[in-house]
PDB file of all heavy atoms in Angstrom:
ATOM      1  N   ASN A   1     -10.742   4.452   8.171  1.00  0.00           N
ATOM      2  CA  ASN A   1     -10.235   5.703   8.784  1.00  0.00           C
ATOM      3  C   ASN A   1      -8.821   5.892   8.367  1.00  0.00           C
ATOM      4  O   ASN A   1      -8.372   7.051   8.046  1.00  0.00           O
ATOM      5  CB  ASN A   1     -10.360   5.634  10.266  1.00  0.00           C
ATOM      6  CG  ASN A   1     -11.804   5.738  10.713  1.00  0.00           C
ATOM      7  OD1 ASN A   1     -12.651   6.233   9.995  1.00  0.00           O
ATOM      8  ND2 ASN A   1     -12.047   5.341  11.956  1.00  0.00           N
ATOM      9  N   PHE A   2      -7.975   4.859   8.311  1.00  0.00           N
ATOM     10  CA  PHE A   2      -6.608   4.908   7.957  1.00  0.00           C
ATOM     11  C   PHE A   2      -6.494   5.433   6.508  1.00  0.00           C
ATOM     12  O   PHE A   2      -5.656   6.317   6.185  1.00  0.00           O
ATOM     13  CB  PHE A   2      -5.886   3.618   8.135  1.00  0.00           C
ATOM     14  CG  PHE A   2      -4.475   3.574   7.657  1.00  0.00           C
ATOM     15  CD1 PHE A   2      -3.474   4.186   8.349  1.00  0.00           C
ATOM     16  CD2 PHE A   2      -4.159   2.975   6.484  1.00  0.00           C
ATOM     17  CE1 PHE A   2      -2.136   4.156   7.854  1.00  0.00           C
ATOM     18  CE2 PHE A   2      -2.901   2.901   5.951  1.00  0.00           C
ATOM     19  CZ  PHE A   2      -1.853   3.513   6.682  1.00  0.00           C
ATOM     20  N   ILE A   3      -7.280   4.775   5.636  1.00  0.00           N
ATOM     21  CA  ILE A   3      -7.229   5.167   4.173  1.00  0.00           C
ATOM     22  C   ILE A   3      -7.647   6.578   4.008  1.00  0.00           C
ATOM     23  O   ILE A   3      -7.112   7.344   3.142  1.00  0.00           O
ATOM     24  CB  ILE A   3      -8.079   4.207   3.389  1.00  0.00           C
ATOM     25  CG1 ILE A   3      -7.393   2.736   3.427  1.00  0.00           C
ATOM     26  CG2 ILE A   3      -8.175   4.561   1.909  1.00  0.00           C
ATOM     27  CD1 ILE A   3      -8.278   1.642   2.894  1.00  0.00           C
ATOM     28  N   GLN A   4      -8.676   6.996   4.730  1.00  0.00           N
ATOM     29  CA  GLN A   4      -9.142   8.393   4.599  1.00  0.00           C
ATOM     30  C   GLN A   4      -8.048   9.379   5.034  1.00  0.00           C
ATOM     31  O   GLN A   4      -7.785  10.435   4.338  1.00  0.00           O
ATOM     32  CB  GLN A   4     -10.356   8.628   5.495  1.00  0.00           C
ATOM     33  CG  GLN A   4     -11.616   7.934   5.057  1.00  0.00           C
ATOM     34  CD  GLN A   4     -12.333   8.711   3.948  1.00  0.00           C
ATOM     35  OE1 GLN A   4     -11.795   9.599   3.336  1.00  0.00           O
ATOM     36  NE2 GLN A   4     -13.630   8.354   3.712  1.00  0.00           N
ATOM     37  N   ARG A   5      -7.311   9.041   6.082  1.00  0.00           N
ATOM     38  CA  ARG A   5      -6.196   9.923   6.527  1.00  0.00           C
ATOM     39  C   ARG A   5      -5.092   9.962   5.451  1.00  0.00           C
ATOM     40  O   ARG A   5      -4.458  11.021   5.232  1.00  0.00           O
ATOM     41  CB  ARG A   5      -5.634   9.454   7.909  1.00  0.00           C
ATOM     42  CG  ARG A   5      -6.645   9.605   9.031  1.00  0.00           C
ATOM     43  CD  ARG A   5      -5.960   9.478  10.349  1.00  0.00           C
ATOM     44  NE  ARG A   5      -5.244   8.215  10.540  1.00  0.00           N
ATOM     45  CZ  ARG A   5      -5.840   7.152  11.049  1.00  0.00           C
ATOM     46  NH1 ARG A   5      -7.136   7.167  11.420  1.00  0.00           N
ATOM     47  NH2 ARG A   5      -5.165   6.027  11.247  1.00  0.00           N
ATOM     48  N   MET A   6      -4.810   8.825   4.832  1.00  0.00           N
ATOM     49  CA  MET A   6      -3.811   8.757   3.771  1.00  0.00           C
ATOM     50  C   MET A   6      -4.267   9.667   2.565  1.00  0.00           C
ATOM     51  O   MET A   6      -3.434  10.329   1.936  1.00  0.00           O
ATOM     52  CB  MET A   6      -3.546   7.368   3.334  1.00  0.00           C
ATOM     53  CG  MET A   6      -2.858   6.451   4.377  1.00  0.00           C
ATOM     54  SD  MET A   6      -1.276   7.120   4.891  1.00  0.00           S
ATOM     55  CE  MET A   6      -1.710   7.950   6.479  1.00  0.00           C
ATOM     56  N   LYS A   7      -5.547   9.601   2.260  1.00  0.00           N
ATOM     57  CA  LYS A   7      -6.016  10.435   1.148  1.00  0.00           C
ATOM     58  C   LYS A   7      -5.822  11.918   1.426  1.00  0.00           C
ATOM     59  O   LYS A   7      -5.491  12.696   0.563  1.00  0.00           O
ATOM     60  CB  LYS A   7      -7.526  10.153   0.866  1.00  0.00           C
ATOM     61  CG  LYS A   7      -7.758   8.883   0.083  1.00  0.00           C
ATOM     62  CD  LYS A   7      -9.276   8.652  -0.204  1.00  0.00           C
ATOM     63  CE  LYS A   7      -9.496   7.559  -1.170  1.00  0.00           C
ATOM     64  NZ  LYS A   7      -9.007   7.853  -2.506  1.00  0.00           N
ATOM     65  N   GLN A   8      -6.048  12.272   2.726  1.00  0.00           N
ATOM     66  CA  GLN A   8      -5.856  13.659   3.071  1.00  0.00           C
ATOM     67  C   GLN A   8      -4.379  14.074   2.963  1.00  0.00           C
ATOM     68  O   GLN A   8      -4.089  15.279   2.698  1.00  0.00           O
ATOM     69  CB  GLN A   8      -6.302  13.858   4.529  1.00  0.00           C
ATOM     70  CG  GLN A   8      -7.799  13.752   4.759  1.00  0.00           C
ATOM     71  CD  GLN A   8      -8.237  13.789   6.239  1.00  0.00           C
ATOM     72  OE1 GLN A   8      -7.387  14.027   7.110  1.00  0.00           O
ATOM     73  NE2 GLN A   8      -9.488  13.562   6.422  1.00  0.00           N
ATOM     74  N   ARG A   9      -3.447  13.126   3.068  1.00  0.00           N
ATOM     75  CA  ARG A   9      -2.025  13.371   2.909  1.00  0.00           C
ATOM     76  C   ARG A   9      -1.599  13.149   1.434  1.00  0.00           C
ATOM     77  O   ARG A   9      -0.407  13.176   1.135  1.00  0.00           O
ATOM     78  CB  ARG A   9      -1.190  12.502   3.815  1.00  0.00           C
ATOM     79  CG  ARG A   9      -1.419  12.816   5.281  1.00  0.00           C
ATOM     80  CD  ARG A   9      -0.575  11.881   6.193  1.00  0.00           C
ATOM     81  NE  ARG A   9       0.882  11.985   5.907  1.00  0.00           N
ATOM     82  CZ  ARG A   9       1.781  11.484   6.700  1.00  0.00           C
ATOM     83  NH1 ARG A   9       1.480  10.828   7.838  1.00  0.00           N
ATOM     84  NH2 ARG A   9       3.127  11.605   6.399  1.00  0.00           N
ATOM     85  N   ARG A  10      -2.558  12.924   0.545  1.00  0.00           N
ATOM     86  CA  ARG A  10      -2.321  12.625  -0.918  1.00  0.00           C
ATOM     87  C   ARG A  10      -1.433  11.418  -1.076  1.00  0.00           C
ATOM     88  O   ARG A  10      -0.557  11.415  -1.905  1.00  0.00           O
ATOM     89  CB  ARG A  10      -1.659  13.862  -1.557  1.00  0.00           C
ATOM     90  CG  ARG A  10      -2.597  15.103  -1.511  1.00  0.00           C
ATOM     91  CD  ARG A  10      -1.953  16.280  -2.217  1.00  0.00           C
ATOM     92  NE  ARG A  10      -2.808  17.426  -2.148  1.00  0.00           N
ATOM     93  CZ  ARG A  10      -3.870  17.707  -2.959  1.00  0.00           C
ATOM     94  NH1 ARG A  10      -4.223  16.785  -3.787  1.00  0.00           N
ATOM     95  NH2 ARG A  10      -4.579  18.821  -2.742  1.00  0.00           N
ATOM     96  N   VAL A  11      -1.681  10.370  -0.249  1.00  0.00           N
ATOM     97  CA  VAL A  11      -0.974   9.101  -0.322  1.00  0.00           C
ATOM     98  C   VAL A  11      -1.960   8.068  -0.827  1.00  0.00           C
ATOM     99  O   VAL A  11      -3.017   7.907  -0.289  1.00  0.00           O
ATOM    100  CB  VAL A  11      -0.374   8.694   1.007  1.00  0.00           C
ATOM    101  CG1 VAL A  11       0.284   7.321   0.823  1.00  0.00           C
ATOM    102  CG2 VAL A  11       0.644   9.753   1.505  1.00  0.00           C
ATOM    103  N   THR A  12      -1.593   7.434  -1.946  1.00  0.00           N
ATOM    104  CA  THR A  12      -2.443   6.439  -2.537  1.00  0.00           C
ATOM    105  C   THR A  12      -2.249   5.080  -1.780  1.00  0.00           C
ATOM    106  O   THR A  12      -1.111   4.692  -1.508  1.00  0.00           O
ATOM    107  CB  THR A  12      -2.185   6.193  -4.012  1.00  0.00           C
ATOM    108  OG1 THR A  12      -2.381   7.426  -4.722  1.00  0.00           O
ATOM    109  CG2 THR A  12      -3.021   5.117  -4.643  1.00  0.00           C
ATOM    110  N   VAL A  13      -3.359   4.369  -1.486  1.00  0.00           N
ATOM    111  CA  VAL A  13      -3.274   3.080  -0.816  1.00  0.00           C
ATOM    112  C   VAL A  13      -3.694   2.012  -1.832  1.00  0.00           C
ATOM    113  O   VAL A  13      -4.743   2.104  -2.518  1.00  0.00           O
ATOM    114  CB  VAL A  13      -4.208   3.054   0.398  1.00  0.00           C
ATOM    115  CG1 VAL A  13      -4.188   1.602   1.050  1.00  0.00           C
ATOM    116  CG2 VAL A  13      -3.689   4.041   1.416  1.00  0.00           C
ATOM    117  N   MET A  14      -2.876   0.985  -1.982  1.00  0.00           N
ATOM    118  CA  MET A  14      -3.176  -0.193  -2.792  1.00  0.00           C
ATOM    119  C   MET A  14      -3.241  -1.402  -1.861  1.00  0.00           C
ATOM    120  O   MET A  14      -2.511  -1.512  -0.880  1.00  0.00           O
ATOM    121  CB  MET A  14      -2.083  -0.449  -3.858  1.00  0.00           C
ATOM    122  CG  MET A  14      -1.975   0.648  -4.920  1.00  0.00           C
ATOM    123  SD  MET A  14      -0.698   0.208  -6.150  1.00  0.00           S
ATOM    124  CE  MET A  14      -0.928   1.598  -7.276  1.00  0.00           C
ATOM    125  N   LEU A  15      -4.166  -2.312  -2.166  1.00  0.00           N
ATOM    126  CA  LEU A  15      -4.329  -3.521  -1.372  1.00  0.00           C
ATOM    127  C   LEU A  15      -4.046  -4.752  -2.210  1.00  0.00           C
ATOM    128  O   LEU A  15      -4.577  -4.913  -3.341  1.00  0.00           O
ATOM    129  CB  LEU A  15      -5.834  -3.605  -0.893  1.00  0.00           C
ATOM    130  CG  LEU A  15      -6.324  -2.412  -0.119  1.00  0.00           C
ATOM    131  CD1 LEU A  15      -7.765  -2.636   0.315  1.00  0.00           C
ATOM    132  CD2 LEU A  15      -5.427  -2.166   1.147  1.00  0.00           C
ATOM    133  N   SER A  16      -3.106  -5.606  -1.682  1.00  0.00           N
ATOM    134  CA  SER A  16      -2.750  -6.757  -2.481  1.00  0.00           C
ATOM    135  C   SER A  16      -3.077  -8.079  -1.622  1.00  0.00           C
ATOM    136  O   SER A  16      -3.327  -7.997  -0.478  1.00  0.00           O
ATOM    137  CB  SER A  16      -1.253  -6.776  -2.769  1.00  0.00           C
ATOM    138  OG  SER A  16      -0.492  -6.952  -1.597  1.00  0.00           O
ATOM    139  N   GLY A  17      -3.138  -9.167  -2.316  1.00  0.00           N
ATOM    140  CA  GLY A  17      -3.432 -10.481  -1.665  1.00  0.00           C
ATOM    141  C   GLY A  17      -4.813 -10.488  -1.132  1.00  0.00           C
ATOM    142  O   GLY A  17      -5.086 -11.211  -0.149  1.00  0.00           O
ATOM    143  N   VAL A  18      -5.746  -9.807  -1.744  1.00  0.00           N
ATOM    144  CA  VAL A  18      -7.184  -9.750  -1.217  1.00  0.00           C
ATOM    145  C   VAL A  18      -7.890 -11.019  -1.616  1.00  0.00           C
ATOM    146  O   VAL A  18      -8.129 -11.315  -2.777  1.00  0.00           O
ATOM    147  CB  VAL A  18      -7.859  -8.497  -1.788  1.00  0.00           C
ATOM    148  CG1 VAL A  18      -9.301  -8.473  -1.318  1.00  0.00           C
ATOM    149  CG2 VAL A  18      -7.099  -7.238  -1.413  1.00  0.00           C
ATOM    150  N   HIS A  19      -8.230 -11.848  -0.638  1.00  0.00           N
ATOM    151  CA  HIS A  19      -8.926 -13.077  -0.910  1.00  0.00           C
ATOM    152  C   HIS A  19     -10.454 -12.865  -1.021  1.00  0.00           C
ATOM    153  O   HIS A  19     -10.930 -11.727  -0.763  1.00  0.00           O
ATOM    154  CB  HIS A  19      -8.609 -14.169   0.116  1.00  0.00           C
ATOM    155  CG  HIS A  19      -8.741 -13.673   1.548  1.00  0.00           C
ATOM    156  ND1 HIS A  19      -9.939 -13.505   2.167  1.00  0.00           N
ATOM    157  CD2 HIS A  19      -7.831 -13.411   2.491  1.00  0.00           C
ATOM    158  CE1 HIS A  19      -9.803 -13.126   3.376  1.00  0.00           C
ATOM    159  NE2 HIS A  19      -8.515 -13.010   3.643  1.00  0.00           N
ATOM    160  N   ALA A  20     -11.187 -13.901  -1.312  1.00  0.00           N
ATOM    161  CA  ALA A  20     -12.603 -13.698  -1.647  1.00  0.00           C
ATOM    162  C   ALA A  20     -13.404 -13.177  -0.419  1.00  0.00           C
ATOM    163  O   ALA A  20     -14.257 -12.263  -0.626  1.00  0.00           O
ATOM    164  CB  ALA A  20     -13.225 -15.076  -2.097  1.00  0.00           C
ATOM    165  N   ALA A  21     -13.206 -13.700   0.748  1.00  0.00           N
ATOM    166  CA  ALA A  21     -13.955 -13.249   1.913  1.00  0.00           C
ATOM    167  C   ALA A  21     -13.657 -11.762   2.203  1.00  0.00           C
ATOM    168  O   ALA A  21     -14.553 -10.995   2.506  1.00  0.00           O
ATOM    169  CB  ALA A  21     -13.601 -14.120   3.146  1.00  0.00           C
ATOM    170  N   MET A  22     -12.380 -11.394   2.077  1.00  0.00           N
ATOM    171  CA  MET A  22     -12.034  -9.952   2.314  1.00  0.00           C
ATOM    172  C   MET A  22     -12.693  -9.090   1.260  1.00  0.00           C
ATOM    173  O   MET A  22     -13.185  -8.000   1.593  1.00  0.00           O
ATOM    174  CB  MET A  22     -10.503  -9.834   2.253  1.00  0.00           C
ATOM    175  CG  MET A  22      -9.965  -8.397   2.491  1.00  0.00           C
ATOM    176  SD  MET A  22     -10.239  -7.860   4.222  1.00  0.00           S
ATOM    177  CE  MET A  22      -9.031  -8.831   5.077  1.00  0.00           C
ATOM    178  N   ALA A  23     -12.681  -9.566  -0.005  1.00  0.00           N
ATOM    179  CA  ALA A  23     -13.199  -8.743  -1.097  1.00  0.00           C
ATOM    180  C   ALA A  23     -14.733  -8.547  -0.870  1.00  0.00           C
ATOM    181  O   ALA A  23     -15.255  -7.431  -1.137  1.00  0.00           O
ATOM    182  CB  ALA A  23     -12.931  -9.426  -2.439  1.00  0.00           C
ATOM    183  N   THR A  24     -15.423  -9.596  -0.381  1.00  0.00           N
ATOM    184  CA  THR A  24     -16.870  -9.479  -0.189  1.00  0.00           C
ATOM    185  C   THR A  24     -17.156  -8.478   0.886  1.00  0.00           C
ATOM    186  O   THR A  24     -18.050  -7.612   0.777  1.00  0.00           O
ATOM    187  CB  THR A  24     -17.420 -10.876   0.252  1.00  0.00           C
ATOM    188  OG1 THR A  24     -17.154 -11.805  -0.826  1.00  0.00           O
ATOM    189  CG2 THR A  24     -18.896 -10.801   0.491  1.00  0.00           C
ATOM    190  N   THR A  25     -16.433  -8.543   2.040  1.00  0.00           N
ATOM    191  CA  THR A  25     -16.644  -7.623   3.126  1.00  0.00           C
ATOM    192  C   THR A  25     -16.309  -6.170   2.711  1.00  0.00           C
ATOM    193  O   THR A  25     -17.072  -5.247   3.067  1.00  0.00           O
ATOM    194  CB  THR A  25     -15.799  -8.022   4.318  1.00  0.00           C
ATOM    195  OG1 THR A  25     -16.047  -9.354   4.694  1.00  0.00           O
ATOM    196  CG2 THR A  25     -16.080  -7.085   5.537  1.00  0.00           C
ATOM    197  N   MET A  26     -15.235  -5.983   1.947  1.00  0.00           N
ATOM    198  CA  MET A  26     -14.922  -4.614   1.473  1.00  0.00           C
ATOM    199  C   MET A  26     -16.003  -4.139   0.585  1.00  0.00           C
ATOM    200  O   MET A  26     -16.325  -2.936   0.668  1.00  0.00           O
ATOM    201  CB  MET A  26     -13.556  -4.730   0.695  1.00  0.00           C
ATOM    202  CG  MET A  26     -12.351  -5.003   1.625  1.00  0.00           C
ATOM    203  SD  MET A  26     -10.825  -5.354   0.656  1.00  0.00           S
ATOM    204  CE  MET A  26     -10.713  -3.920  -0.337  1.00  0.00           C
TER     205      MET A  26
END
C-alpha cells in the first residue's frame, strides 16, 4: 500500500539489503 501511494505521487521506491527470505516472500 505504501509503494502504491508513492507511485501515485510519482516517487520511485528502491529496496536495498534484501535477503533471501525477504526476496522469496516479495
